[in-house]
Each structure stands twice: as C-alpha cells, then as structure tokens.
Amino acid sequence: MKSSFLRRFWVVFSAYVIGFYASVLNGFRVKGGGNIPRRGGVLIASNHISAYDTIFLPWAVIRSHPMQMLWAPAKEELFRKPFQGWLYSSWGAFPVRRGRDVRAGKVINELLRDQKVMLYPEGTRHRDGVLGRGNRGVGKLILDTGPVVIPTALIGLNRWKFPDFGRKALIVFGPPLDFTDLFQLADNKETHQLIVDRVMEGIAALLKAEGAYVNPE
C-alpha cells in the first residue's frame, strides 16, 4: 500500500500535535524506540488498555521514524461517520469486520512485506490493565509473513480522560522476538497458538519490568 509525500507529511504533523499534548501537557514517555527497525516488515504487537492506544502508539513510533506510515487495522464501526472515517483512514487505519475478514487479512499480509503495522493480539480492550490471551490468528499471521515482531507495553493510558493535564503514561518497545524454533514446527493451530503465546509473554515481561503487570483474578 503506497502513500504520497503529502499524506506522510500529514501523518507526521498530526503525530507531533498529538505528541505535544501527550508529552508536554501530560507526562507521556517512550522507552525502547531504538528497537524498532527502520526498514522491512515490522509488526508492533501491543496490549490494549484504552481507546487512546490507537492515537498515541502511532506517535510513539513515528517520532523515531518520521515520514513513515504505521498502518493499523481497526474495527469497522470507527469508519461509519464520514469525517471520522476519513480522519482515521488518513492516519493509516483501515476497517476490519468482526469475525474472520479475509479481505483485511490479505491487506495486512501485503503490508507486512515491507511496512510497519500495529496490532493488538488480544483482539479486545482490557481497561483494567489485565493482559488477555493472544488470538491464534495473530500467530498464523506471523508464521505466514515472518515480520520483525516488536512486543510493546502500554501503561497508564487507561487512566486518562480527554482533555486532561498532568497525567502519566508510558510505552515500552521491547527487542525483536525470536521465533526460529517455532517456525520449524508444522503449520497448524497448535503452532499458531505457541507463536502468539510468545508474543504475549514478551509483552508481559515488559509490563513486569515496569511494575505494571496486573494479575488476573
């Protein structure tokens, strides 16, 4: 999926406006940005704790890699209002139907050849901060496309309201995950689950290192 210079400039401009609000008016910090490769297919795999995740995560990536797109599959309900749909699309989001969306899956596979894509492996939001189980389909996606997978931990955004000032939040990008052993296994549901389990373990390790891991009841 190609993007024009004008579109990429708009994304960078928007990201820095959002970044000003997040980091200057609030205390939003980013750690580990150097772990994100500049080139090639990259999957930013993150926990999902707030509606703000989809806004602030792109800024955290783009600040380290300006003039690059970060593509994001998003639920189709976000695109039903014309202006809102245009805005999200202009930032690199594209609609995904609930359940199995073959068309969206093909788009993601194509993008991961040489682009950056953000994804929430849990498939749903956990406002209480508990880390859910990863969706097996994400494991299949990783096996099929072989991108660099960056585990990402979002911390504190579930306590934000808009507009808000003086709030603290943190995004941590971990080092790329190694799936060499799992890629040698048969292409089946069990392998797909093992792959996404490793992704979730990577995210959990980042949360634990920051003292932000929430034990499920």
N, C-alpha and C. Protein backbone atom coordinates (compact mmCIF):
# COMPACT_ATOMS: atom_id res chain seq x y z
N MET A 1 0.86 -1.19 0.00
CA MET A 1 0.00 0.00 0.00
C MET A 1 0.90 1.24 0.00
N LYS A 2 0.81 2.03 -1.02
CA LYS A 2 1.67 3.19 -1.18
C LYS A 2 1.03 4.41 -0.51
N SER A 3 1.85 5.36 -0.13
CA SER A 3 1.35 6.60 0.45
C SER A 3 2.15 7.77 -0.12
N SER A 4 1.45 8.84 -0.42
CA SER A 4 2.09 10.01 -1.01
C SER A 4 2.89 10.78 0.03
N PHE A 5 3.77 11.64 -0.47
CA PHE A 5 4.54 12.51 0.42
C PHE A 5 3.60 13.37 1.26
N LEU A 6 2.54 13.91 0.62
CA LEU A 6 1.60 14.78 1.33
C LEU A 6 0.92 14.03 2.46
N ARG A 7 0.54 12.78 2.20
CA ARG A 7 -0.12 12.01 3.25
C ARG A 7 0.83 11.72 4.40
N ARG A 8 2.07 11.37 4.09
CA ARG A 8 3.04 11.08 5.13
C ARG A 8 3.37 12.34 5.94
N PHE A 9 3.41 13.48 5.25
CA PHE A 9 3.64 14.74 5.96
C PHE A 9 2.48 15.02 6.92
N TRP A 10 1.26 14.79 6.46
CA TRP A 10 0.08 14.99 7.30
C TRP A 10 0.13 14.08 8.54
N VAL A 11 0.54 12.84 8.35
CA VAL A 11 0.64 11.89 9.47
C VAL A 11 1.67 12.37 10.48
N VAL A 12 2.83 12.81 9.99
CA VAL A 12 3.87 13.30 10.89
C VAL A 12 3.40 14.56 11.64
N PHE A 13 2.78 15.48 10.91
CA PHE A 13 2.27 16.70 11.54
C PHE A 13 1.26 16.36 12.63
N SER A 14 0.31 15.48 12.30
CA SER A 14 -0.71 15.08 13.27
C SER A 14 -0.08 14.41 14.48
N ALA A 15 0.91 13.54 14.21
CA ALA A 15 1.57 12.82 15.29
C ALA A 15 2.26 13.78 16.26
N TYR A 16 2.88 14.82 15.73
CA TYR A 16 3.59 15.75 16.62
C TYR A 16 2.64 16.66 17.37
N VAL A 17 1.48 16.96 16.80
CA VAL A 17 0.45 17.69 17.56
C VAL A 17 -0.02 16.83 18.72
N ILE A 18 -0.30 15.56 18.43
CA ILE A 18 -0.71 14.62 19.48
C ILE A 18 0.41 14.46 20.51
N GLY A 19 1.65 14.40 20.02
CA GLY A 19 2.79 14.26 20.92
C GLY A 19 2.96 15.45 21.85
N PHE A 20 2.67 16.64 21.35
CA PHE A 20 2.76 17.83 22.20
C PHE A 20 1.77 17.73 23.35
N TYR A 21 0.55 17.33 23.02
CA TYR A 21 -0.46 17.16 24.07
C TYR A 21 -0.05 16.07 25.05
N ALA A 22 0.46 14.96 24.51
CA ALA A 22 0.78 13.81 25.35
C ALA A 22 1.99 14.05 26.24
N SER A 23 3.05 14.64 25.69
CA SER A 23 4.32 14.72 26.40
C SER A 23 4.59 16.06 27.08
N VAL A 24 4.02 17.14 26.57
CA VAL A 24 4.25 18.46 27.16
C VAL A 24 3.14 18.80 28.16
N LEU A 25 1.90 18.62 27.74
CA LEU A 25 0.77 18.92 28.64
C LEU A 25 0.52 17.77 29.60
N ASN A 26 1.01 16.59 29.25
CA ASN A 26 0.94 15.42 30.12
C ASN A 26 2.33 14.80 30.19
N GLY A 27 2.46 13.75 30.98
CA GLY A 27 3.77 13.13 31.15
C GLY A 27 3.87 11.80 30.46
N PHE A 28 3.78 11.83 29.15
CA PHE A 28 3.83 10.60 28.36
C PHE A 28 5.27 10.32 27.95
N ARG A 29 5.78 9.13 28.29
CA ARG A 29 7.17 8.78 27.98
C ARG A 29 7.24 7.56 27.06
N VAL A 30 8.32 7.48 26.33
CA VAL A 30 8.55 6.37 25.41
C VAL A 30 9.92 5.78 25.69
N LYS A 31 9.98 4.47 25.80
CA LYS A 31 11.25 3.78 26.02
C LYS A 31 11.43 2.71 24.95
N GLY A 32 12.67 2.52 24.52
CA GLY A 32 12.99 1.43 23.60
C GLY A 32 12.69 1.70 22.15
N GLY A 33 12.52 2.95 21.76
CA GLY A 33 12.22 3.26 20.36
C GLY A 33 13.29 2.75 19.40
N GLY A 34 14.53 2.64 19.89
CA GLY A 34 15.61 2.15 19.04
C GLY A 34 15.49 0.68 18.68
N ASN A 35 14.58 -0.03 19.33
CA ASN A 35 14.36 -1.45 18.99
C ASN A 35 13.55 -1.63 17.71
N ILE A 36 12.94 -0.58 17.23
CA ILE A 36 12.10 -0.68 16.03
C ILE A 36 12.97 -0.52 14.78
N PRO A 37 13.02 -1.52 13.91
CA PRO A 37 13.82 -1.40 12.69
C PRO A 37 13.30 -0.28 11.80
N ARG A 38 14.21 0.34 11.10
CA ARG A 38 13.79 1.42 10.19
C ARG A 38 13.15 0.87 8.93
N ARG A 39 13.62 -0.27 8.45
CA ARG A 39 13.13 -0.82 7.19
C ARG A 39 12.63 -2.24 7.36
N GLY A 40 11.86 -2.68 6.36
CA GLY A 40 11.36 -4.05 6.35
C GLY A 40 10.00 -4.17 7.03
N GLY A 41 9.42 -5.36 6.93
CA GLY A 41 8.13 -5.62 7.55
C GLY A 41 8.27 -5.70 9.06
N VAL A 42 7.49 -4.89 9.77
CA VAL A 42 7.57 -4.83 11.23
C VAL A 42 6.16 -4.89 11.80
N LEU A 43 5.96 -5.78 12.76
CA LEU A 43 4.68 -5.87 13.46
C LEU A 43 4.87 -5.34 14.88
N ILE A 44 4.19 -4.24 15.19
CA ILE A 44 4.19 -3.68 16.54
C ILE A 44 3.03 -4.35 17.28
N ALA A 45 3.34 -5.29 18.18
CA ALA A 45 2.31 -6.08 18.87
C ALA A 45 2.16 -5.58 20.30
N SER A 46 1.00 -5.01 20.60
CA SER A 46 0.82 -4.31 21.88
C SER A 46 -0.39 -4.82 22.65
N ASN A 47 -0.32 -4.63 23.98
CA ASN A 47 -1.53 -4.80 24.78
C ASN A 47 -2.49 -3.65 24.48
N HIS A 48 -3.74 -3.78 24.90
CA HIS A 48 -4.76 -2.81 24.52
C HIS A 48 -5.57 -2.45 25.76
N ILE A 49 -5.37 -1.22 26.28
CA ILE A 49 -6.00 -0.84 27.54
C ILE A 49 -6.90 0.39 27.44
N SER A 50 -6.87 1.09 26.30
CA SER A 50 -7.61 2.34 26.19
C SER A 50 -7.89 2.67 24.73
N ALA A 51 -8.95 3.47 24.51
CA ALA A 51 -9.22 3.97 23.17
C ALA A 51 -8.10 4.90 22.69
N TYR A 52 -7.33 5.46 23.63
CA TYR A 52 -6.23 6.34 23.28
C TYR A 52 -5.05 5.58 22.67
N ASP A 53 -5.00 4.28 22.87
CA ASP A 53 -3.86 3.50 22.37
C ASP A 53 -3.64 3.74 20.88
N THR A 54 -4.73 3.72 20.13
CA THR A 54 -4.65 3.83 18.67
C THR A 54 -4.17 5.21 18.23
N ILE A 55 -4.25 6.19 19.11
CA ILE A 55 -3.79 7.54 18.78
C ILE A 55 -2.34 7.76 19.19
N PHE A 56 -2.00 7.33 20.40
CA PHE A 56 -0.67 7.63 20.93
C PHE A 56 0.40 6.63 20.50
N LEU A 57 0.02 5.40 20.24
CA LEU A 57 1.01 4.42 19.78
C LEU A 57 1.65 4.83 18.45
N PRO A 58 0.87 5.27 17.45
CA PRO A 58 1.50 5.74 16.20
C PRO A 58 2.48 6.88 16.43
N TRP A 59 2.14 7.83 17.30
CA TRP A 59 3.07 8.93 17.56
C TRP A 59 4.38 8.40 18.14
N ALA A 60 4.29 7.42 19.05
CA ALA A 60 5.50 6.88 19.68
C ALA A 60 6.41 6.21 18.66
N VAL A 61 5.81 5.64 17.61
CA VAL A 61 6.61 5.01 16.55
C VAL A 61 7.14 6.06 15.58
N ILE A 62 6.27 6.95 15.15
CA ILE A 62 6.62 7.92 14.11
C ILE A 62 7.67 8.92 14.60
N ARG A 63 7.69 9.21 15.88
CA ARG A 63 8.70 10.16 16.40
C ARG A 63 10.11 9.61 16.18
N SER A 64 10.25 8.27 16.16
CA SER A 64 11.55 7.66 15.90
C SER A 64 11.78 7.40 14.42
N HIS A 65 10.68 7.36 13.65
CA HIS A 65 10.78 7.06 12.22
C HIS A 65 9.89 8.02 11.43
N PRO A 66 10.24 9.31 11.41
CA PRO A 66 9.41 10.29 10.70
C PRO A 66 9.30 9.99 9.21
N MET A 67 8.16 10.41 8.66
CA MET A 67 7.84 10.24 7.24
C MET A 67 7.63 8.77 6.85
N GLN A 68 7.38 7.93 7.84
CA GLN A 68 6.99 6.56 7.57
C GLN A 68 5.56 6.35 8.06
N MET A 69 4.83 5.46 7.41
CA MET A 69 3.47 5.15 7.82
C MET A 69 3.47 4.02 8.83
N LEU A 70 2.52 4.08 9.76
CA LEU A 70 2.23 2.95 10.64
C LEU A 70 0.79 2.58 10.38
N TRP A 71 0.58 1.44 9.73
CA TRP A 71 -0.76 1.01 9.34
C TRP A 71 -1.44 0.30 10.50
N ALA A 72 -2.76 0.43 10.58
CA ALA A 72 -3.47 -0.11 11.73
C ALA A 72 -4.85 -0.64 11.34
N PRO A 73 -5.08 -1.94 11.46
CA PRO A 73 -6.44 -2.46 11.31
C PRO A 73 -7.29 -1.98 12.47
N ALA A 74 -8.51 -1.55 12.20
CA ALA A 74 -9.39 -1.02 13.25
C ALA A 74 -10.82 -1.48 12.98
N LYS A 75 -11.61 -1.58 14.03
CA LYS A 75 -12.98 -2.07 13.88
C LYS A 75 -13.77 -1.15 12.94
N GLU A 76 -14.61 -1.75 12.12
CA GLU A 76 -15.28 -1.01 11.05
C GLU A 76 -16.24 0.05 11.57
N GLU A 77 -16.70 -0.08 12.83
CA GLU A 77 -17.60 0.92 13.40
C GLU A 77 -16.99 2.31 13.43
N LEU A 78 -15.66 2.38 13.51
CA LEU A 78 -14.99 3.68 13.56
C LEU A 78 -15.07 4.45 12.25
N PHE A 79 -15.46 3.78 11.18
CA PHE A 79 -15.44 4.40 9.86
C PHE A 79 -16.84 4.74 9.35
N ARG A 80 -17.85 4.57 10.18
CA ARG A 80 -19.23 4.79 9.72
C ARG A 80 -19.58 6.25 9.56
N LYS A 81 -19.01 7.12 10.41
CA LYS A 81 -19.22 8.55 10.26
C LYS A 81 -18.21 9.09 9.25
N PRO A 82 -18.67 9.80 8.21
CA PRO A 82 -17.78 10.18 7.10
C PRO A 82 -16.50 10.89 7.52
N PHE A 83 -16.62 11.95 8.34
CA PHE A 83 -15.40 12.69 8.71
C PHE A 83 -14.48 11.84 9.57
N GLN A 84 -15.05 11.14 10.53
CA GLN A 84 -14.24 10.30 11.40
C GLN A 84 -13.56 9.20 10.60
N GLY A 85 -14.31 8.62 9.66
CA GLY A 85 -13.73 7.59 8.81
C GLY A 85 -12.59 8.12 7.97
N TRP A 86 -12.78 9.33 7.41
CA TRP A 86 -11.70 9.94 6.61
C TRP A 86 -10.47 10.19 7.47
N LEU A 87 -10.69 10.70 8.69
CA LEU A 87 -9.57 11.04 9.57
C LEU A 87 -8.76 9.80 9.91
N TYR A 88 -9.43 8.74 10.34
CA TYR A 88 -8.71 7.51 10.67
C TYR A 88 -7.99 6.94 9.45
N SER A 89 -8.65 6.98 8.31
CA SER A 89 -8.03 6.46 7.08
C SER A 89 -6.80 7.26 6.71
N SER A 90 -6.88 8.59 6.89
CA SER A 90 -5.74 9.45 6.54
C SER A 90 -4.53 9.15 7.40
N TRP A 91 -4.77 8.61 8.60
CA TRP A 91 -3.67 8.28 9.51
C TRP A 91 -3.12 6.87 9.30
N GLY A 92 -3.72 6.11 8.38
CA GLY A 92 -3.21 4.78 8.09
C GLY A 92 -4.04 3.64 8.65
N ALA A 93 -5.21 3.94 9.20
CA ALA A 93 -6.10 2.88 9.68
C ALA A 93 -6.98 2.38 8.54
N PHE A 94 -7.40 1.14 8.64
CA PHE A 94 -8.33 0.59 7.65
C PHE A 94 -9.30 -0.35 8.37
N PRO A 95 -10.56 -0.43 7.87
CA PRO A 95 -11.60 -1.16 8.61
C PRO A 95 -11.45 -2.69 8.53
N VAL A 96 -11.82 -3.32 9.64
CA VAL A 96 -11.84 -4.78 9.73
C VAL A 96 -13.18 -5.20 10.31
N ARG A 97 -13.85 -6.12 9.66
CA ARG A 97 -15.12 -6.64 10.16
C ARG A 97 -14.87 -7.61 11.30
N ARG A 98 -15.83 -7.67 12.23
CA ARG A 98 -15.73 -8.63 13.32
C ARG A 98 -15.79 -10.05 12.76
N GLY A 99 -15.09 -10.96 13.43
CA GLY A 99 -15.02 -12.31 12.90
C GLY A 99 -13.85 -12.42 11.93
N ARG A 100 -14.00 -13.30 10.97
CA ARG A 100 -12.91 -13.52 10.01
C ARG A 100 -13.10 -12.62 8.78
N ASP A 101 -12.21 -11.68 8.60
CA ASP A 101 -12.27 -10.75 7.48
C ASP A 101 -11.14 -11.09 6.52
N VAL A 102 -11.45 -11.83 5.47
CA VAL A 102 -10.44 -12.31 4.53
C VAL A 102 -9.77 -11.15 3.81
N ARG A 103 -10.56 -10.16 3.40
CA ARG A 103 -10.01 -9.03 2.66
C ARG A 103 -8.99 -8.27 3.51
N ALA A 104 -9.36 -7.98 4.75
CA ALA A 104 -8.45 -7.25 5.64
C ALA A 104 -7.20 -8.08 5.92
N GLY A 105 -7.37 -9.40 6.04
CA GLY A 105 -6.23 -10.27 6.26
C GLY A 105 -5.22 -10.19 5.12
N LYS A 106 -5.73 -10.13 3.89
CA LYS A 106 -4.85 -10.01 2.73
C LYS A 106 -4.11 -8.68 2.74
N VAL A 107 -4.80 -7.61 3.15
CA VAL A 107 -4.16 -6.29 3.23
C VAL A 107 -3.01 -6.32 4.24
N ILE A 108 -3.26 -6.91 5.40
CA ILE A 108 -2.22 -6.98 6.44
C ILE A 108 -1.03 -7.79 5.94
N ASN A 109 -1.31 -8.93 5.33
CA ASN A 109 -0.22 -9.77 4.80
C ASN A 109 0.63 -9.01 3.79
N GLU A 110 -0.03 -8.25 2.93
CA GLU A 110 0.69 -7.48 1.91
C GLU A 110 1.54 -6.38 2.56
N LEU A 111 0.97 -5.69 3.54
CA LEU A 111 1.68 -4.60 4.20
C LEU A 111 2.93 -5.10 4.92
N LEU A 112 2.83 -6.28 5.53
CA LEU A 112 3.94 -6.78 6.34
C LEU A 112 5.13 -7.25 5.51
N ARG A 113 5.02 -7.16 4.21
CA ARG A 113 6.19 -7.44 3.38
C ARG A 113 7.28 -6.40 3.59
N ASP A 114 6.86 -5.13 3.73
CA ASP A 114 7.88 -4.08 3.84
C ASP A 114 7.41 -2.84 4.61
N GLN A 115 6.30 -2.97 5.34
CA GLN A 115 5.73 -1.82 6.05
C GLN A 115 5.61 -2.12 7.55
N LYS A 116 5.31 -1.07 8.31
CA LYS A 116 5.06 -1.21 9.74
C LYS A 116 3.55 -1.28 10.00
N VAL A 117 3.16 -2.26 10.80
CA VAL A 117 1.75 -2.47 11.13
C VAL A 117 1.63 -2.62 12.64
N MET A 118 0.64 -1.96 13.24
CA MET A 118 0.38 -2.14 14.67
C MET A 118 -0.83 -3.04 14.83
N LEU A 119 -0.78 -3.88 15.87
CA LEU A 119 -1.83 -4.87 16.06
C LEU A 119 -1.96 -5.15 17.56
N TYR A 120 -3.19 -5.40 17.99
CA TYR A 120 -3.44 -5.81 19.37
C TYR A 120 -3.77 -7.31 19.37
N PRO A 121 -2.83 -8.17 19.74
CA PRO A 121 -3.07 -9.61 19.66
C PRO A 121 -4.23 -10.11 20.51
N GLU A 122 -4.58 -9.38 21.58
CA GLU A 122 -5.72 -9.79 22.40
C GLU A 122 -7.04 -9.69 21.65
N GLY A 123 -7.08 -8.76 20.70
CA GLY A 123 -8.29 -8.61 19.90
C GLY A 123 -9.37 -7.78 20.55
N THR A 124 -9.18 -7.38 21.80
CA THR A 124 -10.16 -6.57 22.50
C THR A 124 -9.46 -5.75 23.57
N ARG A 125 -10.17 -4.77 24.11
CA ARG A 125 -9.58 -3.85 25.07
C ARG A 125 -9.81 -4.34 26.50
N HIS A 126 -8.78 -4.20 27.34
CA HIS A 126 -8.89 -4.56 28.75
C HIS A 126 -8.59 -3.31 29.58
N ARG A 127 -9.62 -2.58 29.92
CA ARG A 127 -9.44 -1.30 30.62
C ARG A 127 -8.88 -1.47 32.02
N ASP A 128 -9.02 -2.68 32.60
CA ASP A 128 -8.48 -2.92 33.93
C ASP A 128 -6.98 -3.20 33.92
N GLY A 129 -6.38 -3.24 32.72
CA GLY A 129 -4.96 -3.45 32.60
C GLY A 129 -4.52 -4.90 32.60
N VAL A 130 -5.46 -5.82 32.76
CA VAL A 130 -5.13 -7.25 32.72
C VAL A 130 -4.74 -7.63 31.30
N LEU A 131 -3.69 -8.42 31.16
CA LEU A 131 -3.24 -8.86 29.85
C LEU A 131 -3.98 -10.14 29.48
N GLY A 132 -4.77 -10.09 28.41
CA GLY A 132 -5.56 -11.24 27.98
C GLY A 132 -4.74 -12.22 27.16
N ARG A 133 -5.41 -13.26 26.71
CA ARG A 133 -4.75 -14.27 25.88
C ARG A 133 -4.69 -13.78 24.43
N GLY A 134 -3.61 -14.13 23.75
CA GLY A 134 -3.46 -13.72 22.36
C GLY A 134 -4.34 -14.52 21.42
N ASN A 135 -4.78 -13.86 20.36
CA ASN A 135 -5.62 -14.50 19.35
C ASN A 135 -4.75 -15.38 18.44
N ARG A 136 -5.17 -16.63 18.27
CA ARG A 136 -4.39 -17.58 17.47
C ARG A 136 -4.15 -17.10 16.05
N GLY A 137 -5.08 -16.32 15.51
CA GLY A 137 -4.92 -15.81 14.15
C GLY A 137 -3.69 -14.93 13.99
N VAL A 138 -3.26 -14.26 15.06
CA VAL A 138 -2.06 -13.44 15.00
C VAL A 138 -0.83 -14.33 14.86
N GLY A 139 -0.86 -15.48 15.51
CA GLY A 139 0.23 -16.43 15.35
C GLY A 139 0.34 -16.93 13.92
N LYS A 140 -0.80 -17.19 13.30
CA LYS A 140 -0.82 -17.61 11.90
C LYS A 140 -0.27 -16.51 11.00
N LEU A 141 -0.65 -15.27 11.28
CA LEU A 141 -0.17 -14.12 10.51
C LEU A 141 1.35 -14.02 10.58
N ILE A 142 1.90 -14.17 11.77
CA ILE A 142 3.36 -14.08 11.95
C ILE A 142 4.06 -15.21 11.22
N LEU A 143 3.49 -16.40 11.29
CA LEU A 143 4.09 -17.56 10.61
C LEU A 143 4.08 -17.36 9.10
N ASP A 144 3.01 -16.82 8.57
CA ASP A 144 2.86 -16.65 7.12
C ASP A 144 3.75 -15.54 6.56
N THR A 145 3.93 -14.47 7.33
CA THR A 145 4.60 -13.29 6.79
C THR A 145 6.03 -13.09 7.32
N GLY A 146 6.33 -13.65 8.49
CA GLY A 146 7.69 -13.56 9.03
C GLY A 146 8.21 -12.16 9.27
N PRO A 147 7.41 -11.25 9.83
CA PRO A 147 7.92 -9.89 10.08
C PRO A 147 8.80 -9.85 11.32
N VAL A 148 9.48 -8.74 11.51
CA VAL A 148 10.12 -8.48 12.79
C VAL A 148 9.00 -8.11 13.76
N VAL A 149 8.91 -8.82 14.87
CA VAL A 149 7.83 -8.59 15.83
C VAL A 149 8.40 -7.88 17.06
N ILE A 150 7.86 -6.69 17.34
CA ILE A 150 8.29 -5.88 18.47
C ILE A 150 7.22 -5.93 19.55
N PRO A 151 7.47 -6.62 20.67
CA PRO A 151 6.49 -6.60 21.77
C PRO A 151 6.43 -5.21 22.36
N THR A 152 5.23 -4.76 22.66
CA THR A 152 5.04 -3.37 23.10
C THR A 152 4.11 -3.33 24.29
N ALA A 153 4.49 -2.58 25.31
CA ALA A 153 3.68 -2.45 26.53
C ALA A 153 3.15 -1.03 26.67
N LEU A 154 1.85 -0.91 26.78
CA LEU A 154 1.20 0.37 27.04
C LEU A 154 0.83 0.41 28.52
N ILE A 155 1.18 1.49 29.19
CA ILE A 155 0.99 1.60 30.64
C ILE A 155 0.39 2.96 30.98
N GLY A 156 -0.71 2.96 31.70
CA GLY A 156 -1.27 4.18 32.25
C GLY A 156 -2.33 4.88 31.44
N LEU A 157 -2.45 4.56 30.15
CA LEU A 157 -3.42 5.28 29.31
C LEU A 157 -4.86 4.97 29.70
N ASN A 158 -5.10 3.86 30.36
CA ASN A 158 -6.46 3.52 30.80
C ASN A 158 -6.95 4.43 31.93
N ARG A 159 -6.07 5.26 32.45
CA ARG A 159 -6.49 6.21 33.50
C ARG A 159 -6.64 7.64 32.95
N TRP A 160 -6.46 7.81 31.65
CA TRP A 160 -6.58 9.14 31.05
C TRP A 160 -8.02 9.46 30.67
N LYS A 161 -8.31 10.77 30.71
CA LYS A 161 -9.56 11.29 30.16
C LYS A 161 -9.19 12.47 29.26
N PHE A 162 -10.09 12.85 28.36
CA PHE A 162 -9.79 13.95 27.44
C PHE A 162 -10.84 15.05 27.61
N PRO A 163 -10.40 16.32 27.71
CA PRO A 163 -9.00 16.75 27.82
C PRO A 163 -8.49 16.54 29.24
N ASP A 164 -7.20 16.31 29.36
CA ASP A 164 -6.61 16.04 30.66
C ASP A 164 -5.21 16.64 30.69
N PHE A 165 -4.71 16.92 31.88
CA PHE A 165 -3.39 17.52 32.01
C PHE A 165 -2.65 16.89 33.19
N GLY A 166 -1.35 16.72 33.02
CA GLY A 166 -0.54 16.21 34.10
C GLY A 166 -0.61 14.71 34.31
N ARG A 167 -1.25 13.98 33.41
CA ARG A 167 -1.34 12.53 33.53
C ARG A 167 -0.02 11.87 33.12
N LYS A 168 0.25 10.71 33.68
CA LYS A 168 1.45 9.96 33.35
C LYS A 168 1.08 8.72 32.52
N ALA A 169 1.93 8.39 31.58
CA ALA A 169 1.75 7.16 30.80
C ALA A 169 3.10 6.79 30.18
N LEU A 170 3.19 5.55 29.77
CA LEU A 170 4.46 5.04 29.25
C LEU A 170 4.20 4.00 28.17
N ILE A 171 5.01 4.06 27.11
CA ILE A 171 5.04 2.99 26.11
C ILE A 171 6.46 2.44 26.09
N VAL A 172 6.56 1.12 26.15
CA VAL A 172 7.87 0.47 26.10
C VAL A 172 7.91 -0.47 24.90
N PHE A 173 8.90 -0.27 24.03
CA PHE A 173 9.13 -1.16 22.89
C PHE A 173 10.26 -2.12 23.26
N GLY A 174 9.97 -3.42 23.24
CA GLY A 174 10.98 -4.40 23.58
C GLY A 174 11.82 -4.79 22.37
N PRO A 175 12.87 -5.58 22.58
CA PRO A 175 13.68 -6.08 21.46
C PRO A 175 12.88 -7.06 20.63
N PRO A 176 13.24 -7.26 19.35
CA PRO A 176 12.51 -8.20 18.48
C PRO A 176 12.47 -9.60 19.08
N LEU A 177 11.35 -10.28 18.88
CA LEU A 177 11.19 -11.65 19.36
C LEU A 177 11.78 -12.65 18.37
N ASP A 178 12.24 -13.77 18.88
CA ASP A 178 12.83 -14.82 18.06
C ASP A 178 11.86 -16.01 17.99
N PHE A 179 11.45 -16.35 16.79
CA PHE A 179 10.52 -17.48 16.58
C PHE A 179 11.19 -18.62 15.81
N THR A 180 12.50 -18.61 15.74
CA THR A 180 13.20 -19.59 14.90
C THR A 180 12.77 -21.02 15.19
N ASP A 181 12.68 -21.38 16.45
CA ASP A 181 12.30 -22.74 16.81
C ASP A 181 10.86 -23.06 16.44
N LEU A 182 9.98 -22.09 16.64
CA LEU A 182 8.56 -22.33 16.36
C LEU A 182 8.28 -22.37 14.86
N PHE A 183 9.06 -21.64 14.08
CA PHE A 183 8.88 -21.66 12.62
C PHE A 183 9.26 -23.01 12.01
N GLN A 184 9.94 -23.86 12.78
CA GLN A 184 10.31 -25.19 12.29
C GLN A 184 9.18 -26.20 12.48
N LEU A 185 8.16 -25.82 13.24
CA LEU A 185 7.05 -26.73 13.55
C LEU A 185 6.02 -26.75 12.42
N ALA A 186 5.12 -27.70 12.50
CA ALA A 186 4.05 -27.82 11.49
C ALA A 186 3.15 -26.59 11.51
N ASP A 187 2.62 -26.26 10.36
CA ASP A 187 1.71 -25.13 10.22
C ASP A 187 0.31 -25.58 10.65
N ASN A 188 0.04 -25.48 11.95
CA ASN A 188 -1.26 -25.90 12.46
C ASN A 188 -1.68 -24.99 13.62
N LYS A 189 -2.87 -25.24 14.15
CA LYS A 189 -3.43 -24.37 15.18
C LYS A 189 -2.56 -24.33 16.44
N GLU A 190 -1.98 -25.45 16.78
CA GLU A 190 -1.14 -25.51 17.99
C GLU A 190 0.09 -24.61 17.84
N THR A 191 0.71 -24.66 16.65
CA THR A 191 1.88 -23.81 16.41
C THR A 191 1.49 -22.33 16.41
N HIS A 192 0.37 -22.02 15.80
CA HIS A 192 -0.09 -20.63 15.77
C HIS A 192 -0.28 -20.11 17.20
N GLN A 193 -0.83 -20.95 18.07
CA GLN A 193 -1.05 -20.53 19.45
C GLN A 193 0.27 -20.36 20.19
N LEU A 194 1.22 -21.24 19.94
CA LEU A 194 2.53 -21.12 20.58
C LEU A 194 3.22 -19.81 20.18
N ILE A 195 3.06 -19.44 18.92
CA ILE A 195 3.68 -18.20 18.43
C ILE A 195 3.09 -16.98 19.12
N VAL A 196 1.76 -16.91 19.16
CA VAL A 196 1.14 -15.73 19.79
C VAL A 196 1.35 -15.76 21.30
N ASP A 197 1.46 -16.94 21.89
CA ASP A 197 1.76 -17.02 23.32
C ASP A 197 3.13 -16.39 23.61
N ARG A 198 4.08 -16.59 22.71
CA ARG A 198 5.40 -16.00 22.90
C ARG A 198 5.32 -14.47 22.81
N VAL A 199 4.48 -14.00 21.92
CA VAL A 199 4.26 -12.55 21.82
C VAL A 199 3.72 -12.00 23.13
N MET A 200 2.71 -12.68 23.68
CA MET A 200 2.10 -12.21 24.91
C MET A 200 3.07 -12.30 26.08
N GLU A 201 3.93 -13.32 26.07
CA GLU A 201 4.96 -13.44 27.11
C GLU A 201 5.95 -12.26 27.02
N GLY A 202 6.26 -11.84 25.79
CA GLY A 202 7.14 -10.70 25.60
C GLY A 202 6.53 -9.42 26.15
N ILE A 203 5.23 -9.23 25.89
CA ILE A 203 4.53 -8.05 26.40
C ILE A 203 4.47 -8.11 27.93
N ALA A 204 4.16 -9.29 28.47
CA ALA A 204 4.07 -9.46 29.92
C ALA A 204 5.40 -9.14 30.59
N ALA A 205 6.51 -9.56 29.97
CA ALA A 205 7.83 -9.31 30.54
C ALA A 205 8.10 -7.81 30.62
N LEU A 206 7.69 -7.05 29.63
CA LEU A 206 7.87 -5.60 29.65
C LEU A 206 7.04 -4.96 30.76
N LEU A 207 5.79 -5.41 30.89
CA LEU A 207 4.92 -4.88 31.95
C LEU A 207 5.50 -5.19 33.33
N LYS A 208 5.99 -6.40 33.51
CA LYS A 208 6.56 -6.79 34.80
C LYS A 208 7.80 -5.96 35.12
N ALA A 209 8.62 -5.70 34.11
CA ALA A 209 9.85 -4.92 34.33
C ALA A 209 9.53 -3.50 34.79
N GLU A 210 8.36 -2.99 34.40
CA GLU A 210 7.94 -1.63 34.80
C GLU A 210 7.04 -1.65 36.02
N GLY A 211 6.83 -2.82 36.61
CA GLY A 211 5.95 -2.92 37.78
C GLY A 211 4.51 -2.66 37.46
N ALA A 212 4.10 -2.93 36.20
CA ALA A 212 2.75 -2.60 35.75
C ALA A 212 1.94 -3.83 35.37
N TYR A 213 2.46 -5.02 35.65
CA TYR A 213 1.71 -6.23 35.30
C TYR A 213 0.56 -6.43 36.28
N VAL A 214 -0.64 -6.65 35.74
CA VAL A 214 -1.83 -6.86 36.58
C VAL A 214 -2.19 -8.35 36.53
N ASN A 215 -2.16 -8.99 37.68
CA ASN A 215 -2.53 -10.40 37.75
C ASN A 215 -4.03 -10.57 37.57
N PRO A 216 -4.44 -11.46 36.65
CA PRO A 216 -5.88 -11.72 36.51
C PRO A 216 -6.42 -12.39 37.76
N GLU A 217 -7.65 -12.10 38.08
CA GLU A 217 -8.26 -12.68 39.29
C GLU A 217 -8.56 -14.16 39.08
